[in-house]
């Protein structure tokens, strides 16, 4: 079994129950997993920190393979090399909701395809830090 790589975290499935310090119940198919003392230590470590060594990596892999937990990959060290493109024709209110939902994680390019009120679209794009291009 290949351990989960360093930096990964795990989140126990919402249906997984820790019955005692050394017993977990859940997964698909349902099962009871008994943890050794080292496994209990690894589980405690995984509760608030990512995989850092072979023991936590092996337990994380076992938990995810059994359906007791879900892997959470580490955040990338660098921003993603992408831009979100949002085409728009009028409708500044839905555009505002869309841009608010996107947040500031990625650069956003709003493409106005000839709106009747280009100033309203420009104001929404500017308020959310999006670049605007008009056709």
N, C-alpha and C. Protein backbone atom coordinates (compact mmCIF):
# COMPACT_ATOMS: atom_id res chain seq x y z
N UNK A 1 0.85 -1.17 0.00
CA UNK A 1 0.00 0.00 0.00
C UNK A 1 0.90 1.24 0.00
N UNK A 2 0.62 2.16 -0.90
CA UNK A 2 1.37 3.41 -0.99
C UNK A 2 0.77 4.43 -0.04
N UNK A 3 1.55 5.01 0.86
CA UNK A 3 0.99 5.99 1.79
C UNK A 3 0.57 7.27 1.07
N UNK A 4 -0.35 8.01 1.68
CA UNK A 4 -0.67 9.32 1.13
C UNK A 4 0.58 10.19 1.25
N UNK A 5 0.83 11.06 0.27
CA UNK A 5 2.05 11.87 0.30
C UNK A 5 2.02 12.93 1.40
N UNK A 6 3.20 13.38 1.81
CA UNK A 6 3.28 14.47 2.79
C UNK A 6 2.49 15.69 2.30
N UNK A 7 1.86 16.37 3.25
CA UNK A 7 1.08 17.55 2.93
C UNK A 7 -0.41 17.27 2.82
N UNK A 8 -0.78 16.02 2.51
CA UNK A 8 -2.20 15.68 2.44
C UNK A 8 -2.78 15.67 3.85
N UNK A 9 -4.03 16.04 3.95
CA UNK A 9 -4.79 15.92 5.19
C UNK A 9 -5.91 14.92 4.92
N UNK A 10 -6.53 14.44 5.99
CA UNK A 10 -7.71 13.61 5.82
C UNK A 10 -8.81 14.16 6.71
N UNK A 11 -10.03 13.94 6.25
CA UNK A 11 -11.21 14.33 7.02
C UNK A 11 -12.06 13.08 7.16
N UNK A 12 -12.35 12.70 8.40
CA UNK A 12 -13.19 11.52 8.60
C UNK A 12 -14.54 11.73 7.94
N UNK A 13 -15.06 10.69 7.33
CA UNK A 13 -16.39 10.74 6.72
C UNK A 13 -17.40 11.05 7.81
N UNK A 14 -18.45 11.77 7.43
CA UNK A 14 -19.44 12.17 8.45
C UNK A 14 -20.12 10.98 9.10
N UNK A 15 -20.12 9.83 8.43
CA UNK A 15 -20.73 8.64 9.00
C UNK A 15 -19.74 7.78 9.79
N UNK A 16 -18.47 8.14 9.79
CA UNK A 16 -17.48 7.39 10.56
C UNK A 16 -17.61 7.77 12.03
N UNK A 17 -17.64 6.77 12.87
CA UNK A 17 -17.76 6.99 14.32
C UNK A 17 -16.51 6.46 15.01
N UNK A 18 -15.97 7.26 15.92
CA UNK A 18 -14.87 6.78 16.75
C UNK A 18 -15.51 6.24 18.02
N UNK A 19 -15.59 4.92 18.11
CA UNK A 19 -16.28 4.27 19.22
C UNK A 19 -15.48 4.37 20.51
N UNK A 20 -14.19 4.13 20.42
CA UNK A 20 -13.27 4.27 21.55
C UNK A 20 -11.97 4.82 20.97
N UNK A 21 -10.98 5.00 21.81
CA UNK A 21 -9.70 5.54 21.33
C UNK A 21 -9.09 4.66 20.25
N UNK A 22 -9.39 3.36 20.31
CA UNK A 22 -8.76 2.45 19.34
C UNK A 22 -9.73 1.82 18.34
N UNK A 23 -11.00 2.24 18.33
CA UNK A 23 -11.98 1.64 17.41
C UNK A 23 -12.68 2.70 16.57
N UNK A 24 -12.65 2.49 15.25
CA UNK A 24 -13.41 3.31 14.32
C UNK A 24 -14.44 2.43 13.63
N UNK A 25 -15.63 2.97 13.39
CA UNK A 25 -16.67 2.25 12.68
C UNK A 25 -17.14 3.10 11.52
N UNK A 26 -17.26 2.49 10.35
CA UNK A 26 -17.77 3.20 9.18
C UNK A 26 -17.23 2.59 7.92
N UNK A 27 -17.19 3.41 6.89
CA UNK A 27 -16.64 2.97 5.62
C UNK A 27 -17.68 2.33 4.73
N UNK A 28 -17.19 1.89 3.58
CA UNK A 28 -18.06 1.26 2.60
C UNK A 28 -17.30 0.11 1.95
N UNK A 29 -17.68 -1.13 2.23
CA UNK A 29 -18.73 -1.56 3.15
C UNK A 29 -18.36 -1.25 4.60
N UNK A 30 -19.37 -1.22 5.45
CA UNK A 30 -19.16 -0.88 6.86
C UNK A 30 -18.20 -1.87 7.50
N UNK A 31 -17.37 -1.35 8.38
CA UNK A 31 -16.38 -2.19 9.06
C UNK A 31 -15.98 -1.55 10.37
N UNK A 32 -15.36 -2.33 11.22
CA UNK A 32 -14.75 -1.83 12.45
C UNK A 32 -13.24 -1.92 12.25
N UNK A 33 -12.56 -0.83 12.54
CA UNK A 33 -11.11 -0.78 12.40
C UNK A 33 -10.50 -0.58 13.78
N UNK A 34 -9.65 -1.53 14.19
CA UNK A 34 -8.97 -1.42 15.48
C UNK A 34 -7.59 -0.83 15.23
N UNK A 35 -7.28 0.23 15.97
CA UNK A 35 -6.00 0.92 15.83
C UNK A 35 -5.02 0.46 16.89
N UNK A 36 -3.79 0.23 16.49
CA UNK A 36 -2.72 -0.05 17.46
C UNK A 36 -2.40 1.25 18.20
N UNK A 37 -1.51 1.17 19.17
CA UNK A 37 -1.10 2.39 19.88
C UNK A 37 -0.48 3.38 18.90
N UNK A 38 0.33 2.88 17.97
CA UNK A 38 0.93 3.76 16.96
C UNK A 38 -0.14 4.35 16.05
N UNK A 39 -1.15 3.55 15.72
CA UNK A 39 -2.25 4.03 14.89
C UNK A 39 -3.06 5.11 15.59
N UNK A 40 -3.27 4.95 16.90
CA UNK A 40 -3.98 5.97 17.67
C UNK A 40 -3.21 7.29 17.66
N UNK A 41 -1.89 7.19 17.82
CA UNK A 41 -1.05 8.39 17.78
C UNK A 41 -1.12 9.04 16.41
N UNK A 42 -1.05 8.22 15.36
CA UNK A 42 -1.12 8.75 13.99
C UNK A 42 -2.47 9.41 13.74
N UNK A 43 -3.56 8.82 14.24
CA UNK A 43 -4.89 9.41 14.06
C UNK A 43 -4.99 10.75 14.77
N UNK A 44 -4.45 10.84 15.98
CA UNK A 44 -4.44 12.12 16.70
C UNK A 44 -3.65 13.17 15.91
N UNK A 45 -2.51 12.75 15.35
CA UNK A 45 -1.71 13.68 14.57
C UNK A 45 -2.45 14.15 13.32
N UNK A 46 -3.18 13.23 12.68
CA UNK A 46 -3.92 13.59 11.47
C UNK A 46 -5.11 14.49 11.75
N UNK A 47 -5.57 14.52 13.00
CA UNK A 47 -6.74 15.33 13.33
C UNK A 47 -6.46 16.82 13.15
N UNK A 48 -5.21 17.23 13.36
CA UNK A 48 -4.93 18.67 13.26
C UNK A 48 -3.68 19.02 12.47
N UNK A 49 -3.14 18.06 11.74
CA UNK A 49 -1.99 18.37 10.90
C UNK A 49 -1.94 17.41 9.72
N UNK A 50 -1.20 17.77 8.69
CA UNK A 50 -1.13 16.92 7.50
C UNK A 50 -0.22 15.72 7.70
N UNK A 51 -0.21 14.86 6.71
CA UNK A 51 0.71 13.72 6.68
C UNK A 51 2.13 14.27 6.73
N UNK A 52 2.93 13.74 7.66
CA UNK A 52 4.31 14.21 7.79
C UNK A 52 5.31 13.07 7.75
N UNK A 53 4.84 11.84 7.94
CA UNK A 53 5.78 10.72 8.00
C UNK A 53 5.10 9.45 7.47
N UNK A 54 5.84 8.36 7.48
CA UNK A 54 5.33 7.11 6.94
C UNK A 54 4.11 6.60 7.72
N UNK A 55 4.12 6.75 9.04
CA UNK A 55 3.01 6.23 9.85
C UNK A 55 1.71 6.97 9.56
N UNK A 56 1.76 8.30 9.54
CA UNK A 56 0.52 9.05 9.26
C UNK A 56 0.11 8.85 7.80
N UNK A 57 1.08 8.73 6.90
CA UNK A 57 0.76 8.50 5.49
C UNK A 57 0.08 7.16 5.27
N UNK A 58 0.58 6.12 5.95
CA UNK A 58 0.00 4.78 5.81
C UNK A 58 -1.41 4.74 6.39
N UNK A 59 -1.60 5.33 7.57
CA UNK A 59 -2.94 5.34 8.16
C UNK A 59 -3.89 6.16 7.29
N UNK A 60 -3.45 7.30 6.81
CA UNK A 60 -4.30 8.13 5.95
C UNK A 60 -4.75 7.34 4.72
N UNK A 61 -3.83 6.61 4.11
CA UNK A 61 -4.18 5.81 2.93
C UNK A 61 -5.19 4.73 3.30
N UNK A 62 -4.96 4.05 4.42
CA UNK A 62 -5.87 2.98 4.85
C UNK A 62 -7.27 3.54 5.11
N UNK A 63 -7.35 4.68 5.79
CA UNK A 63 -8.64 5.28 6.09
C UNK A 63 -9.38 5.69 4.82
N UNK A 64 -8.66 6.26 3.86
CA UNK A 64 -9.32 6.70 2.63
C UNK A 64 -9.71 5.51 1.76
N UNK A 65 -8.85 4.51 1.68
CA UNK A 65 -9.18 3.32 0.88
C UNK A 65 -10.40 2.58 1.44
N UNK A 66 -10.57 2.62 2.76
CA UNK A 66 -11.69 1.94 3.40
C UNK A 66 -12.97 2.78 3.41
N UNK A 67 -12.89 4.02 2.94
CA UNK A 67 -14.06 4.88 2.94
C UNK A 67 -14.37 5.49 4.29
N UNK A 68 -13.42 5.40 5.22
CA UNK A 68 -13.61 5.98 6.55
C UNK A 68 -13.26 7.47 6.56
N UNK A 69 -12.49 7.91 5.59
CA UNK A 69 -12.05 9.30 5.53
C UNK A 69 -11.89 9.72 4.08
N UNK A 70 -11.77 11.01 3.87
CA UNK A 70 -11.60 11.59 2.54
C UNK A 70 -10.28 12.34 2.50
N UNK A 71 -9.51 12.17 1.41
CA UNK A 71 -8.24 12.88 1.29
C UNK A 71 -8.47 14.35 0.96
N UNK A 72 -7.64 15.21 1.53
CA UNK A 72 -7.68 16.63 1.23
C UNK A 72 -6.29 17.03 0.73
N UNK A 73 -6.13 17.22 -0.58
CA UNK A 73 -4.81 17.55 -1.11
C UNK A 73 -4.33 18.89 -0.57
N UNK A 74 -3.02 19.07 -0.51
CA UNK A 74 -2.50 20.36 -0.03
C UNK A 74 -2.80 21.46 -1.04
N UNK A 75 -2.89 22.69 -0.52
CA UNK A 75 -3.04 23.84 -1.40
C UNK A 75 -1.76 24.01 -2.19
N UNK A 76 -1.85 24.39 -3.46
CA UNK A 76 -0.62 24.58 -4.24
C UNK A 76 0.20 25.75 -3.68
N UNK A 77 1.53 25.64 -3.84
CA UNK A 77 2.42 26.70 -3.37
C UNK A 77 2.37 27.92 -4.27
N UNK A 78 1.85 27.76 -5.45
CA UNK A 78 1.81 28.85 -6.42
C UNK A 78 0.39 28.99 -6.94
N UNK A 79 0.03 30.17 -7.40
CA UNK A 79 -1.32 30.33 -7.92
C UNK A 79 -1.52 29.51 -9.19
N UNK A 80 -2.73 29.08 -9.37
CA UNK A 80 -3.05 28.30 -10.57
C UNK A 80 -2.86 29.17 -11.81
N UNK A 81 -2.40 28.55 -12.86
CA UNK A 81 -2.16 29.27 -14.10
C UNK A 81 -3.44 29.27 -14.93
N UNK A 82 -4.43 30.02 -14.45
CA UNK A 82 -5.68 30.11 -15.17
C UNK A 82 -6.37 31.42 -14.87
N UNK A 83 -7.27 31.79 -15.74
CA UNK A 83 -8.10 32.97 -15.56
C UNK A 83 -9.54 32.54 -15.79
N UNK A 84 -10.44 32.97 -14.92
CA UNK A 84 -11.86 32.67 -15.08
C UNK A 84 -12.45 33.72 -16.02
N UNK A 85 -13.09 33.28 -17.09
CA UNK A 85 -13.71 34.18 -18.06
C UNK A 85 -15.22 34.13 -17.87
N UNK A 86 -15.82 35.31 -17.65
CA UNK A 86 -17.27 35.40 -17.43
C UNK A 86 -17.87 36.25 -18.54
N UNK A 87 -18.57 35.63 -19.50
CA UNK A 87 -19.25 36.42 -20.53
C UNK A 87 -20.54 37.01 -19.96
N UNK A 88 -20.85 38.24 -20.39
CA UNK A 88 -22.05 38.88 -19.85
C UNK A 88 -22.69 39.76 -20.93
N UNK A 89 -24.01 39.80 -20.90
CA UNK A 89 -24.79 40.71 -21.74
C UNK A 89 -25.89 41.25 -20.84
N UNK A 90 -25.71 42.51 -20.43
CA UNK A 90 -26.62 43.14 -19.47
C UNK A 90 -26.58 42.36 -18.15
N UNK A 91 -27.61 42.35 -17.38
CA UNK A 91 -27.76 41.58 -16.13
C UNK A 91 -26.64 41.84 -15.11
N UNK A 92 -26.46 43.09 -14.68
CA UNK A 92 -25.40 43.39 -13.71
C UNK A 92 -25.61 42.72 -12.34
N UNK A 93 -26.86 42.55 -11.90
CA UNK A 93 -27.08 41.93 -10.58
C UNK A 93 -26.62 40.47 -10.56
N UNK A 94 -26.99 39.64 -11.53
CA UNK A 94 -26.46 38.27 -11.53
C UNK A 94 -24.94 38.23 -11.69
N UNK A 95 -24.38 39.19 -12.45
CA UNK A 95 -22.92 39.26 -12.58
C UNK A 95 -22.29 39.52 -11.22
N UNK A 96 -22.88 40.42 -10.45
CA UNK A 96 -22.34 40.72 -9.11
C UNK A 96 -22.36 39.47 -8.23
N UNK A 97 -23.45 38.70 -8.27
CA UNK A 97 -23.52 37.47 -7.47
C UNK A 97 -22.47 36.46 -7.93
N UNK A 98 -22.30 36.36 -9.24
CA UNK A 98 -21.31 35.43 -9.79
C UNK A 98 -19.90 35.81 -9.33
N UNK A 99 -19.55 37.08 -9.46
CA UNK A 99 -18.21 37.52 -9.08
C UNK A 99 -17.99 37.40 -7.57
N UNK A 100 -19.03 37.66 -6.79
CA UNK A 100 -18.90 37.49 -5.33
C UNK A 100 -18.64 36.03 -5.00
N UNK A 101 -19.31 35.13 -5.70
CA UNK A 101 -19.11 33.70 -5.46
C UNK A 101 -17.72 33.22 -5.84
N UNK A 102 -17.14 33.83 -6.86
CA UNK A 102 -15.79 33.45 -7.29
C UNK A 102 -14.73 33.91 -6.30
N UNK A 103 -14.98 35.00 -5.61
CA UNK A 103 -13.99 35.51 -4.67
C UNK A 103 -12.75 36.02 -5.39
N UNK A 104 -11.63 35.97 -4.70
CA UNK A 104 -10.40 36.52 -5.28
C UNK A 104 -9.32 35.46 -5.46
N UNK A 105 -9.72 34.21 -5.52
CA UNK A 105 -8.73 33.14 -5.63
C UNK A 105 -8.05 33.12 -7.00
N UNK A 106 -8.79 33.45 -8.06
CA UNK A 106 -8.26 33.45 -9.42
C UNK A 106 -8.52 34.79 -10.08
N UNK A 107 -7.68 35.16 -11.05
CA UNK A 107 -7.99 36.37 -11.82
C UNK A 107 -9.27 36.14 -12.63
N UNK A 108 -10.06 37.21 -12.77
CA UNK A 108 -11.34 37.10 -13.48
C UNK A 108 -11.36 38.12 -14.62
N UNK A 109 -11.80 37.67 -15.78
CA UNK A 109 -11.96 38.51 -16.95
C UNK A 109 -13.44 38.51 -17.31
N UNK A 110 -14.07 39.69 -17.25
CA UNK A 110 -15.47 39.83 -17.63
C UNK A 110 -15.49 40.32 -19.07
N UNK A 111 -16.19 39.59 -19.94
CA UNK A 111 -16.31 39.96 -21.35
C UNK A 111 -17.73 40.47 -21.58
N UNK A 112 -17.86 41.79 -21.78
CA UNK A 112 -19.16 42.41 -22.02
C UNK A 112 -19.45 42.33 -23.51
N UNK A 113 -20.52 41.64 -23.85
CA UNK A 113 -20.86 41.40 -25.26
C UNK A 113 -21.89 42.41 -25.77
N UNK A 114 -21.67 43.70 -25.45
CA UNK A 114 -22.54 44.75 -25.98
C UNK A 114 -23.73 45.08 -25.10
N UNK A 115 -23.53 45.15 -23.80
CA UNK A 115 -24.62 45.47 -22.88
C UNK A 115 -25.20 46.85 -23.17
N UNK A 116 -26.50 47.01 -22.90
CA UNK A 116 -27.17 48.30 -23.08
C UNK A 116 -26.64 49.35 -22.11
N UNK A 117 -26.24 48.93 -20.92
CA UNK A 117 -25.69 49.85 -19.91
C UNK A 117 -24.28 49.39 -19.55
N UNK A 118 -23.29 49.71 -20.40
CA UNK A 118 -21.93 49.23 -20.14
C UNK A 118 -21.34 49.79 -18.85
N UNK A 119 -21.81 50.95 -18.41
CA UNK A 119 -21.28 51.53 -17.16
C UNK A 119 -21.66 50.66 -15.96
N UNK A 120 -22.86 50.09 -15.98
CA UNK A 120 -23.28 49.23 -14.86
C UNK A 120 -22.41 47.97 -14.80
N UNK A 121 -22.11 47.39 -15.95
CA UNK A 121 -21.25 46.20 -15.99
C UNK A 121 -19.85 46.56 -15.54
N UNK A 122 -19.35 47.71 -16.00
CA UNK A 122 -18.01 48.16 -15.62
C UNK A 122 -17.92 48.39 -14.11
N UNK A 123 -18.97 48.96 -13.53
CA UNK A 123 -18.96 49.22 -12.08
C UNK A 123 -18.93 47.91 -11.29
N UNK A 124 -19.69 46.92 -11.72
CA UNK A 124 -19.70 45.63 -11.02
C UNK A 124 -18.34 44.96 -11.15
N UNK A 125 -17.79 44.95 -12.36
CA UNK A 125 -16.47 44.33 -12.56
C UNK A 125 -15.42 45.02 -11.69
N UNK A 126 -15.42 46.34 -11.68
CA UNK A 126 -14.44 47.09 -10.89
C UNK A 126 -14.61 46.82 -9.39
N UNK A 127 -15.85 46.74 -8.94
CA UNK A 127 -16.10 46.50 -7.51
C UNK A 127 -15.56 45.16 -7.04
N UNK A 128 -15.42 44.22 -7.96
CA UNK A 128 -14.94 42.88 -7.60
C UNK A 128 -13.52 42.62 -8.07
N UNK A 129 -12.86 43.66 -8.58
CA UNK A 129 -11.47 43.52 -8.99
C UNK A 129 -11.27 42.72 -10.27
N UNK A 130 -12.31 42.63 -11.08
CA UNK A 130 -12.22 41.87 -12.34
C UNK A 130 -11.79 42.80 -13.47
N UNK A 131 -11.04 42.25 -14.39
CA UNK A 131 -10.67 42.98 -15.60
C UNK A 131 -11.85 42.92 -16.56
N UNK A 132 -12.09 44.02 -17.29
CA UNK A 132 -13.24 44.10 -18.19
C UNK A 132 -12.77 44.27 -19.63
N UNK A 133 -13.37 43.51 -20.53
CA UNK A 133 -13.13 43.65 -21.97
C UNK A 133 -14.49 43.80 -22.61
N UNK A 134 -14.60 44.77 -23.54
CA UNK A 134 -15.88 44.98 -24.24
C UNK A 134 -15.73 44.55 -25.68
N UNK A 135 -16.77 43.91 -26.20
CA UNK A 135 -16.79 43.53 -27.62
C UNK A 135 -17.61 44.51 -28.38
